[in-house]
C-alpha atoms as a PDB file:
ATOM      1  CA  UNK A   1       0.000   0.000   0.000  1.00  0.00           C
ATOM      2  CA  UNK A   2       1.182   3.505  -0.777  1.00  0.00           C
ATOM      3  CA  UNK A   3       0.796   6.993   0.607  1.00  0.00           C
ATOM      4  CA  UNK A   4       0.193  10.046  -1.593  1.00  0.00           C
ATOM      5  CA  UNK A   5       1.245  13.492  -0.401  1.00  0.00           C
ATOM      6  CA  UNK A   6      -0.177  16.912  -1.216  1.00  0.00           C
ATOM      7  CA  UNK A   7       2.723  19.195  -2.187  1.00  0.00           C
ATOM      8  CA  UNK A   8       0.947  22.288  -0.870  1.00  0.00           C
ATOM      9  CA  UNK A   9      -0.174  21.378   2.654  1.00  0.00           C
ATOM     10  CA  UNK A  10       1.202  17.917   3.432  1.00  0.00           C
ATOM     11  CA  UNK A  11      -2.158  16.090   3.522  1.00  0.00           C
ATOM     12  CA  UNK A  12      -1.541  12.363   3.189  1.00  0.00           C
ATOM     13  CA  UNK A  13      -3.839   9.912   1.442  1.00  0.00           C
ATOM     14  CA  UNK A  14      -3.007   6.410   2.634  1.00  0.00           C
ATOM     15  CA  UNK A  15      -4.346   3.571   0.522  1.00  0.00           C
ATOM     16  CA  UNK A  16      -4.331   1.354   3.629  1.00  0.00           C
ATOM     17  CA  UNK A  17      -6.432   3.777   5.691  1.00  0.00           C
ATOM     18  CA  UNK A  18      -8.533   5.367   2.945  1.00  0.00           C
ATOM     19  CA  UNK A  19     -10.330   8.566   3.944  1.00  0.00           C
ATOM     20  CA  UNK A  20     -13.743   8.023   5.519  1.00  0.00           C
ATOM     21  CA  UNK A  21     -14.493  11.764   5.473  1.00  0.00           C
ATOM     22  CA  UNK A  22     -14.039  11.780   1.684  1.00  0.00           C
ATOM     23  CA  UNK A  23     -15.930   8.495   1.259  1.00  0.00           C
ATOM     24  CA  UNK A  24     -12.954   6.240   0.525  1.00  0.00           C
ATOM     25  CA  UNK A  25     -12.926   2.961   2.456  1.00  0.00           C
ATOM     26  CA  UNK A  26      -9.692   1.409   3.756  1.00  0.00           C
ATOM     27  CA  UNK A  27      -7.743  -0.330   0.964  1.00  0.00           C
ATOM     28  CA  UNK A  28      -9.047   2.093  -1.702  1.00  0.00           C
ATOM     29  CA  UNK A  29      -6.221   2.324  -4.232  1.00  0.00           C
ATOM     30  CA  UNK A  30      -5.141   5.698  -5.597  1.00  0.00           C
ATOM     31  CA  UNK A  31      -6.164   4.504  -9.066  1.00  0.00           C
ATOM     32  CA  UNK A  32      -9.738   4.176  -7.743  1.00  0.00           C
ATOM     33  CA  UNK A  33      -9.837   7.784  -6.495  1.00  0.00           C
ATOM     34  CA  UNK A  34     -11.609   9.940  -9.128  1.00  0.00           C
ATOM     35  CA  UNK A  35      -9.467  12.096 -11.423  1.00  0.00           C
ATOM     36  CA  UNK A  36     -11.439  15.144 -10.189  1.00  0.00           C
ATOM     37  CA  UNK A  37     -10.047  14.622  -6.658  1.00  0.00           C
ATOM     38  CA  UNK A  38      -8.933  17.851  -4.961  1.00  0.00           C
ATOM     39  CA  UNK A  39      -7.005  17.966  -1.680  1.00  0.00           C
ATOM     40  CA  UNK A  40      -9.583  18.051   1.126  1.00  0.00           C
ATOM     41  CA  UNK A  41      -7.349  20.176   3.374  1.00  0.00           C
ATOM     42  CA  UNK A  42      -6.159  22.959   1.083  1.00  0.00           C
ATOM     43  CA  UNK A  43      -8.337  22.584  -2.066  1.00  0.00           C
ATOM     44  CA  UNK A  44      -5.349  23.812  -4.080  1.00  0.00           C
ATOM     45  CA  UNK A  45      -3.739  20.578  -5.253  1.00  0.00           C
ATOM     46  CA  UNK A  46      -5.288  18.169  -7.722  1.00  0.00           C
ATOM     47  CA  UNK A  47      -4.757  14.401  -7.964  1.00  0.00           C
ATOM     48  CA  UNK A  48      -1.979  14.761 -10.554  1.00  0.00           C
ATOM     49  CA  UNK A  49      -0.049  17.072  -8.182  1.00  0.00           C
ATOM     50  CA  UNK A  50       0.286  14.440  -5.431  1.00  0.00           C
ATOM     51  CA  UNK A  51       3.535  12.533  -5.010  1.00  0.00           C
ATOM     52  CA  UNK A  52       3.733   8.876  -4.075  1.00  0.00           C
ATOM     53  CA  UNK A  53       5.769   7.047  -1.478  1.00  0.00           C
ATOM     54  CA  UNK A  54       5.633   3.518  -0.091  1.00  0.00           C
ATOM     55  CA  UNK A  55       4.223   3.016   3.419  1.00  0.00           C
ATOM     56  CA  UNK A  56       7.472   1.247   4.294  1.00  0.00           C
ATOM     57  CA  UNK A  57       9.321   4.551   3.864  1.00  0.00           C
ATOM     58  CA  UNK A  58       7.068   6.274   6.387  1.00  0.00           C
END
């Protein structure tokens, strides 16, 4: 499972945890998150702006 980071505010989307507030259940892969996704914390960064890292590196 991977973690995706917002470059603007540092919000992390973890595939393992999902994001219940945004409606994404645990184990929801980044590929399953809609292309229209906008950072829920800063609303500045779009899905393509996020960077990926492995959970193991956390």
